[in-house]
């Protein structure tokens, strides 16, 4: 599964680990993606992978939880 935010298109950043001896090895910084149930434009529920910055900025309209009624 791609490590890309569905809304802002945030992707992994690349760079180097640098040791005290100044040895360099490649590394990646991954975005903090969460799977969220959202309502799309047609009103249906979907699961999308969104970064936490988009969630806290309110760019996602979360779908309400479905709770079946208890039958007595």
PDB file of N, CA and C in Angstrom:
ATOM      1  N   UNK A   1       0.840  -1.176   0.000  1.00  0.00           N
ATOM      2  CA  UNK A   1       0.000   0.000   0.000  1.00  0.00           C
ATOM      3  C   UNK A   1       0.888   1.243   0.000  1.00  0.00           C
ATOM      4  N   UNK A   2       0.547   2.217  -0.810  1.00  0.00           N
ATOM      5  CA  UNK A   2       1.373   3.412  -0.950  1.00  0.00           C
ATOM      6  C   UNK A   2       1.331   4.256   0.322  1.00  0.00           C
ATOM      7  N   UNK A   3       2.461   4.808   0.697  1.00  0.00           N
ATOM      8  CA  UNK A   3       2.545   5.658   1.879  1.00  0.00           C
ATOM      9  C   UNK A   3       2.372   7.116   1.452  1.00  0.00           C
ATOM     10  N   UNK A   4       1.171   7.424   0.926  1.00  0.00           N
ATOM     11  CA  UNK A   4       0.867   8.749   0.409  1.00  0.00           C
ATOM     12  C   UNK A   4      -0.465   9.195   0.992  1.00  0.00           C
ATOM     13  N   UNK A   5      -0.525  10.443   1.455  1.00  0.00           N
ATOM     14  CA  UNK A   5      -1.773  11.013   1.955  1.00  0.00           C
ATOM     15  C   UNK A   5      -2.707  11.262   0.779  1.00  0.00           C
ATOM     16  N   UNK A   6      -3.962  10.861   0.929  1.00  0.00           N
ATOM     17  CA  UNK A   6      -4.928  10.980  -0.157  1.00  0.00           C
ATOM     18  C   UNK A   6      -5.305  12.437  -0.428  1.00  0.00           C
ATOM     19  N   UNK A   7      -5.214  13.305   0.581  1.00  0.00           N
ATOM     20  CA  UNK A   7      -5.643  14.691   0.412  1.00  0.00           C
ATOM     21  C   UNK A   7      -4.513  15.620   0.004  1.00  0.00           C
ATOM     22  N   UNK A   8      -3.425  15.622   0.760  1.00  0.00           N
ATOM     23  CA  UNK A   8      -2.366  16.607   0.510  1.00  0.00           C
ATOM     24  C   UNK A   8      -1.201  16.031  -0.276  1.00  0.00           C
ATOM     25  N   UNK A   9      -1.244  14.745  -0.611  1.00  0.00           N
ATOM     26  CA  UNK A   9      -0.219  14.085  -1.414  1.00  0.00           C
ATOM     27  C   UNK A   9       1.143  14.085  -0.722  1.00  0.00           C
ATOM     28  N   UNK A  10       1.143  14.073   0.611  1.00  0.00           N
ATOM     29  CA  UNK A  10       2.402  13.993   1.359  1.00  0.00           C
ATOM     30  C   UNK A  10       3.004  12.611   1.174  1.00  0.00           C
ATOM     31  N   UNK A  11       4.315  12.547   0.913  1.00  0.00           N
ATOM     32  CA  UNK A  11       5.019  11.304   0.615  1.00  0.00           C
ATOM     33  C   UNK A  11       6.215  11.147   1.532  1.00  0.00           C
ATOM     34  N   UNK A  12       6.861   9.983   1.536  1.00  0.00           N
ATOM     35  CA  UNK A  12       8.077   9.829   2.333  1.00  0.00           C
ATOM     36  C   UNK A  12       9.182  10.767   1.859  1.00  0.00           C
ATOM     37  N   UNK A  13       9.921  11.317   2.829  1.00  0.00           N
ATOM     38  CA  UNK A  13      11.090  12.138   2.522  1.00  0.00           C
ATOM     39  C   UNK A  13      12.326  11.260   2.673  1.00  0.00           C
ATOM     40  N   UNK A  14      13.371  11.580   1.921  1.00  0.00           N
ATOM     41  CA  UNK A  14      14.587  10.775   1.974  1.00  0.00           C
ATOM     42  C   UNK A  14      15.762  11.630   2.417  1.00  0.00           C
ATOM     43  N   UNK A  15      16.760  10.954   2.956  1.00  0.00           N
ATOM     44  CA  UNK A  15      17.964  11.635   3.395  1.00  0.00           C
ATOM     45  C   UNK A  15      18.980  10.625   3.883  1.00  0.00           C
ATOM     46  N   UNK A  16      19.854  11.071   4.770  1.00  0.00           N
ATOM     47  CA  UNK A  16      20.925  10.219   5.270  1.00  0.00           C
ATOM     48  C   UNK A  16      20.876  10.115   6.785  1.00  0.00           C
ATOM     49  N   UNK A  17      21.179   8.915   7.299  1.00  0.00           N
ATOM     50  CA  UNK A  17      21.594   8.775   8.685  1.00  0.00           C
ATOM     51  C   UNK A  17      23.074   9.129   8.713  1.00  0.00           C
ATOM     52  N   UNK A  18      23.458   9.970   9.643  1.00  0.00           N
ATOM     53  CA  UNK A  18      24.864  10.353   9.739  1.00  0.00           C
ATOM     54  C   UNK A  18      25.356   9.951  11.119  1.00  0.00           C
ATOM     55  N   UNK A  19      26.343   9.057  11.158  1.00  0.00           N
ATOM     56  CA  UNK A  19      26.875   8.580  12.425  1.00  0.00           C
ATOM     57  C   UNK A  19      27.901   9.568  12.972  1.00  0.00           C
ATOM     58  N   UNK A  20      28.354   9.298  14.181  1.00  0.00           N
ATOM     59  CA  UNK A  20      29.370  10.145  14.796  1.00  0.00           C
ATOM     60  C   UNK A  20      30.665  10.123  13.978  1.00  0.00           C
ATOM     61  N   UNK A  21      30.942   8.970  13.329  1.00  0.00           N
ATOM     62  CA  UNK A  21      32.117   8.853  12.461  1.00  0.00           C
ATOM     63  C   UNK A  21      31.846   9.413  11.061  1.00  0.00           C
ATOM     64  N   UNK A  22      30.673  10.034  10.886  1.00  0.00           N
ATOM     65  CA  UNK A  22      30.262  10.664   9.639  1.00  0.00           C
ATOM     66  C   UNK A  22      30.055   9.653   8.510  1.00  0.00           C
ATOM     67  N   UNK A  23      29.721   8.403   8.880  1.00  0.00           N
ATOM     68  CA  UNK A  23      29.297   7.436   7.874  1.00  0.00           C
ATOM     69  C   UNK A  23      27.859   7.773   7.494  1.00  0.00           C
ATOM     70  N   UNK A  24      27.547   7.659   6.214  1.00  0.00           N
ATOM     71  CA  UNK A  24      26.213   8.013   5.753  1.00  0.00           C
ATOM     72  C   UNK A  24      25.524   6.788   5.166  1.00  0.00           C
ATOM     73  N   UNK A  25      24.301   6.549   5.611  1.00  0.00           N
ATOM     74  CA  UNK A  25      23.454   5.507   5.037  1.00  0.00           C
ATOM     75  C   UNK A  25      22.099   6.143   4.751  1.00  0.00           C
ATOM     76  N   UNK A  26      21.442   5.649   3.713  1.00  0.00           N
ATOM     77  CA  UNK A  26      20.165   6.225   3.302  1.00  0.00           C
ATOM     78  C   UNK A  26      19.070   5.875   4.291  1.00  0.00           C
ATOM     79  N   UNK A  27      18.104   6.788   4.444  1.00  0.00           N
ATOM     80  CA  UNK A  27      16.965   6.532   5.303  1.00  0.00           C
ATOM     81  C   UNK A  27      15.743   7.242   4.756  1.00  0.00           C
ATOM     82  N   UNK A  28      14.586   6.922   5.320  1.00  0.00           N
ATOM     83  CA  UNK A  28      13.325   7.536   4.900  1.00  0.00           C
ATOM     84  C   UNK A  28      12.575   8.044   6.124  1.00  0.00           C
ATOM     85  N   UNK A  29      11.928   9.196   5.987  1.00  0.00           N
ATOM     86  CA  UNK A  29      10.999   9.703   6.992  1.00  0.00           C
ATOM     87  C   UNK A  29       9.610   9.488   6.428  1.00  0.00           C
ATOM     88  N   UNK A  30       8.809   8.669   7.117  1.00  0.00           N
ATOM     89  CA  UNK A  30       7.485   8.312   6.626  1.00  0.00           C
ATOM     90  C   UNK A  30       6.435   9.264   7.203  1.00  0.00           C
ATOM     91  N   UNK A  31       5.425   9.627   6.419  1.00  0.00           N
ATOM     92  CA  UNK A  31       4.346  10.458   6.952  1.00  0.00           C
ATOM     93  C   UNK A  31       3.495   9.649   7.922  1.00  0.00           C
ATOM     94  N   UNK A  32       2.890  10.349   8.875  1.00  0.00           N
ATOM     95  CA  UNK A  32       2.045   9.698   9.878  1.00  0.00           C
ATOM     96  C   UNK A  32       0.651   9.534   9.282  1.00  0.00           C
ATOM     97  N   UNK A  33       0.420   8.397   8.621  1.00  0.00           N
ATOM     98  CA  UNK A  33      -0.852   8.144   7.955  1.00  0.00           C
ATOM     99  C   UNK A  33      -1.761   7.315   8.834  1.00  0.00           C
ATOM    100  N   UNK A  34      -3.028   7.667   8.832  1.00  0.00           N
ATOM    101  CA  UNK A  34      -4.048   6.931   9.564  1.00  0.00           C
ATOM    102  C   UNK A  34      -5.145   6.556   8.589  1.00  0.00           C
ATOM    103  N   UNK A  35      -5.728   5.379   8.779  1.00  0.00           N
ATOM    104  CA  UNK A  35      -6.863   4.958   7.972  1.00  0.00           C
ATOM    105  C   UNK A  35      -8.125   5.487   8.639  1.00  0.00           C
ATOM    106  N   UNK A  36      -8.894   6.280   7.882  1.00  0.00           N
ATOM    107  CA  UNK A  36     -10.069   6.957   8.431  1.00  0.00           C
ATOM    108  C   UNK A  36     -11.263   6.644   7.553  1.00  0.00           C
ATOM    109  N   UNK A  37     -12.419   6.410   8.182  1.00  0.00           N
ATOM    110  CA  UNK A  37     -13.661   6.261   7.432  1.00  0.00           C
ATOM    111  C   UNK A  37     -14.220   7.650   7.172  1.00  0.00           C
ATOM    112  N   UNK A  38     -14.409   7.990   5.910  1.00  0.00           N
ATOM    113  CA  UNK A  38     -14.890   9.324   5.554  1.00  0.00           C
ATOM    114  C   UNK A  38     -16.141   9.203   4.696  1.00  0.00           C
ATOM    115  N   UNK A  39     -16.889  10.295   4.644  1.00  0.00           N
ATOM    116  CA  UNK A  39     -18.013  10.393   3.723  1.00  0.00           C
ATOM    117  C   UNK A  39     -17.512  11.054   2.456  1.00  0.00           C
ATOM    118  N   UNK A  40     -17.698  10.396   1.308  1.00  0.00           N
ATOM    119  CA  UNK A  40     -17.272  11.012   0.058  1.00  0.00           C
ATOM    120  C   UNK A  40     -18.373  11.938  -0.457  1.00  0.00           C
ATOM    121  N   UNK A  41     -18.191  12.490  -1.632  1.00  0.00           N
ATOM    122  CA  UNK A  41     -19.133  13.476  -2.165  1.00  0.00           C
ATOM    123  C   UNK A  41     -20.517  12.901  -2.412  1.00  0.00           C
ATOM    124  N   UNK A  42     -20.593  11.612  -2.703  1.00  0.00           N
ATOM    125  CA  UNK A  42     -21.889  10.994  -2.963  1.00  0.00           C
ATOM    126  C   UNK A  42     -22.567  10.520  -1.683  1.00  0.00           C
ATOM    127  N   UNK A  43     -21.923  10.710  -0.520  1.00  0.00           N
ATOM    128  CA  UNK A  43     -22.534  10.340   0.753  1.00  0.00           C
ATOM    129  C   UNK A  43     -22.234   8.931   1.203  1.00  0.00           C
ATOM    130  N   UNK A  44     -21.372   8.227   0.475  1.00  0.00           N
ATOM    131  CA  UNK A  44     -21.023   6.866   0.863  1.00  0.00           C
ATOM    132  C   UNK A  44     -19.803   6.869   1.762  1.00  0.00           C
ATOM    133  N   UNK A  45     -19.679   5.821   2.578  1.00  0.00           N
ATOM    134  CA  UNK A  45     -18.513   5.682   3.460  1.00  0.00           C
ATOM    135  C   UNK A  45     -17.389   4.989   2.723  1.00  0.00           C
ATOM    136  N   UNK A  46     -16.177   5.521   2.891  1.00  0.00           N
ATOM    137  CA  UNK A  46     -14.981   4.906   2.321  1.00  0.00           C
ATOM    138  C   UNK A  46     -13.870   4.987   3.339  1.00  0.00           C
ATOM    139  N   UNK A  47     -12.891   4.087   3.200  1.00  0.00           N
ATOM    140  CA  UNK A  47     -11.689   4.162   4.018  1.00  0.00           C
ATOM    141  C   UNK A  47     -10.592   4.801   3.182  1.00  0.00           C
ATOM    142  N   UNK A  48      -9.951   5.832   3.725  1.00  0.00           N
ATOM    143  CA  UNK A  48      -8.846   6.484   3.036  1.00  0.00           C
ATOM    144  C   UNK A  48      -7.699   6.635   4.016  1.00  0.00           C
ATOM    145  N   UNK A  49      -6.493   6.697   3.457  1.00  0.00           N
ATOM    146  CA  UNK A  49      -5.294   6.914   4.273  1.00  0.00           C
ATOM    147  C   UNK A  49      -4.941   8.388   4.206  1.00  0.00           C
ATOM    148  N   UNK A  50      -4.992   9.037   5.382  1.00  0.00           N
ATOM    149  CA  UNK A  50      -4.837  10.477   5.470  1.00  0.00           C
ATOM    150  C   UNK A  50      -3.796  10.778   6.540  1.00  0.00           C
ATOM    151  N   UNK A  51      -2.988  11.828   6.318  1.00  0.00           N
ATOM    152  CA  UNK A  51      -1.999  12.206   7.321  1.00  0.00           C
ATOM    153  C   UNK A  51      -2.691  12.912   8.484  1.00  0.00           C
ATOM    154  N   UNK A  52      -2.044  12.896   9.628  1.00  0.00           N
ATOM    155  CA  UNK A  52      -2.648  13.457  10.836  1.00  0.00           C
ATOM    156  C   UNK A  52      -2.775  14.971  10.749  1.00  0.00           C
ATOM    157  N   UNK A  53      -1.958  15.615   9.950  1.00  0.00           N
ATOM    158  CA  UNK A  53      -2.093  17.073   9.787  1.00  0.00           C
ATOM    159  C   UNK A  53      -3.404  17.408   9.084  1.00  0.00           C
ATOM    160  N   UNK A  54      -3.807  16.615   8.104  1.00  0.00           N
ATOM    161  CA  UNK A  54      -5.083  16.843   7.422  1.00  0.00           C
ATOM    162  C   UNK A  54      -6.258  16.548   8.348  1.00  0.00           C
ATOM    163  N   UNK A  55      -6.119  15.538   9.208  1.00  0.00           N
ATOM    164  CA  UNK A  55      -7.190  15.212  10.144  1.00  0.00           C
ATOM    165  C   UNK A  55      -7.379  16.347  11.139  1.00  0.00           C
ATOM    166  N   UNK A  56      -6.281  16.844  11.726  1.00  0.00           N
ATOM    167  CA  UNK A  56      -6.402  17.892  12.739  1.00  0.00           C
ATOM    168  C   UNK A  56      -6.776  19.234  12.127  1.00  0.00           C
ATOM    169  N   UNK A  57      -6.487  19.448  10.833  1.00  0.00           N
ATOM    170  CA  UNK A  57      -6.865  20.689  10.167  1.00  0.00           C
ATOM    171  C   UNK A  57      -8.329  20.688   9.744  1.00  0.00           C
ATOM    172  N   UNK A  58      -9.016  19.555   9.909  1.00  0.00           N
ATOM    173  CA  UNK A  58     -10.430  19.489   9.566  1.00  0.00           C
ATOM    174  C   UNK A  58     -10.690  19.304   8.085  1.00  0.00           C
ATOM    175  N   UNK A  59      -9.722  18.814   7.349  1.00  0.00           N
ATOM    176  CA  UNK A  59      -9.898  18.605   5.918  1.00  0.00           C
ATOM    177  C   UNK A  59     -10.672  17.328   5.619  1.00  0.00           C
ATOM    178  N   UNK A  60     -10.959  16.529   6.655  1.00  0.00           N
ATOM    179  CA  UNK A  60     -11.636  15.248   6.494  1.00  0.00           C
ATOM    180  C   UNK A  60     -12.981  15.325   7.207  1.00  0.00           C
ATOM    181  N   UNK A  61     -14.030  14.896   6.516  1.00  0.00           N
ATOM    182  CA  UNK A  61     -15.335  14.778   7.156  1.00  0.00           C
ATOM    183  C   UNK A  61     -15.536  13.320   7.526  1.00  0.00           C
ATOM    184  N   UNK A  62     -15.376  13.005   8.811  1.00  0.00           N
ATOM    185  CA  UNK A  62     -15.459  11.616   9.243  1.00  0.00           C
ATOM    186  C   UNK A  62     -16.890  11.104   9.140  1.00  0.00           C
ATOM    187  N   UNK A  63     -17.011   9.830   8.819  1.00  0.00           N
ATOM    188  CA  UNK A  63     -18.324   9.193   8.736  1.00  0.00           C
ATOM    189  C   UNK A  63     -18.795   8.844  10.136  1.00  0.00           C
ATOM    190  N   UNK A  64     -20.092   8.986  10.417  1.00  0.00           N
ATOM    191  CA  UNK A  64     -20.587   8.613  11.742  1.00  0.00           C
ATOM    192  C   UNK A  64     -20.515   7.109  11.926  1.00  0.00           C
ATOM    193  N   UNK A  65     -20.366   6.705  13.175  1.00  0.00           N
ATOM    194  CA  UNK A  65     -20.330   5.271  13.474  1.00  0.00           C
ATOM    195  C   UNK A  65     -21.711   4.678  13.293  1.00  0.00           C
ATOM    196  N   UNK A  66     -21.737   3.497  12.741  1.00  0.00           N
ATOM    197  CA  UNK A  66     -22.999   2.794  12.560  1.00  0.00           C
ATOM    198  C   UNK A  66     -23.212   1.898  13.758  1.00  0.00           C
ATOM    199  N   UNK A  67     -24.264   2.177  14.513  1.00  0.00           N
ATOM    200  CA  UNK A  67     -24.595   1.341  15.672  1.00  0.00           C
ATOM    201  C   UNK A  67     -25.961   0.726  15.441  1.00  0.00           C
ATOM    202  N   UNK A  68     -26.024  -0.574  15.263  1.00  0.00           N
ATOM    203  CA  UNK A  68     -27.335  -1.203  15.064  1.00  0.00           C
ATOM    204  C   UNK A  68     -28.162  -1.090  16.332  1.00  0.00           C
ATOM    205  N   UNK A  69     -29.441  -0.871  16.162  1.00  0.00           N
ATOM    206  CA  UNK A  69     -30.327  -0.734  17.317  1.00  0.00           C
ATOM    207  C   UNK A  69     -30.496  -2.102  17.982  1.00  0.00           C
ATOM    208  N   UNK A  70     -30.534  -2.069  19.314  1.00  0.00           N
ATOM    209  CA  UNK A  70     -30.697  -3.311  20.072  1.00  0.00           C
ATOM    210  C   UNK A  70     -32.161  -3.739  20.031  1.00  0.00           C
ATOM    211  N   UNK A  71     -32.381  -4.959  19.581  1.00  0.00           N
ATOM    212  CA  UNK A  71     -33.753  -5.471  19.527  1.00  0.00           C
ATOM    213  C   UNK A  71     -34.010  -6.277  20.785  1.00  0.00           C
ATOM    214  N   UNK A  72     -35.070  -5.898  21.468  1.00  0.00           N
ATOM    215  CA  UNK A  72     -35.384  -6.587  22.720  1.00  0.00           C
ATOM    216  C   UNK A  72     -36.454  -7.631  22.527  1.00  0.00           C
TER     217      UNK A  72
END
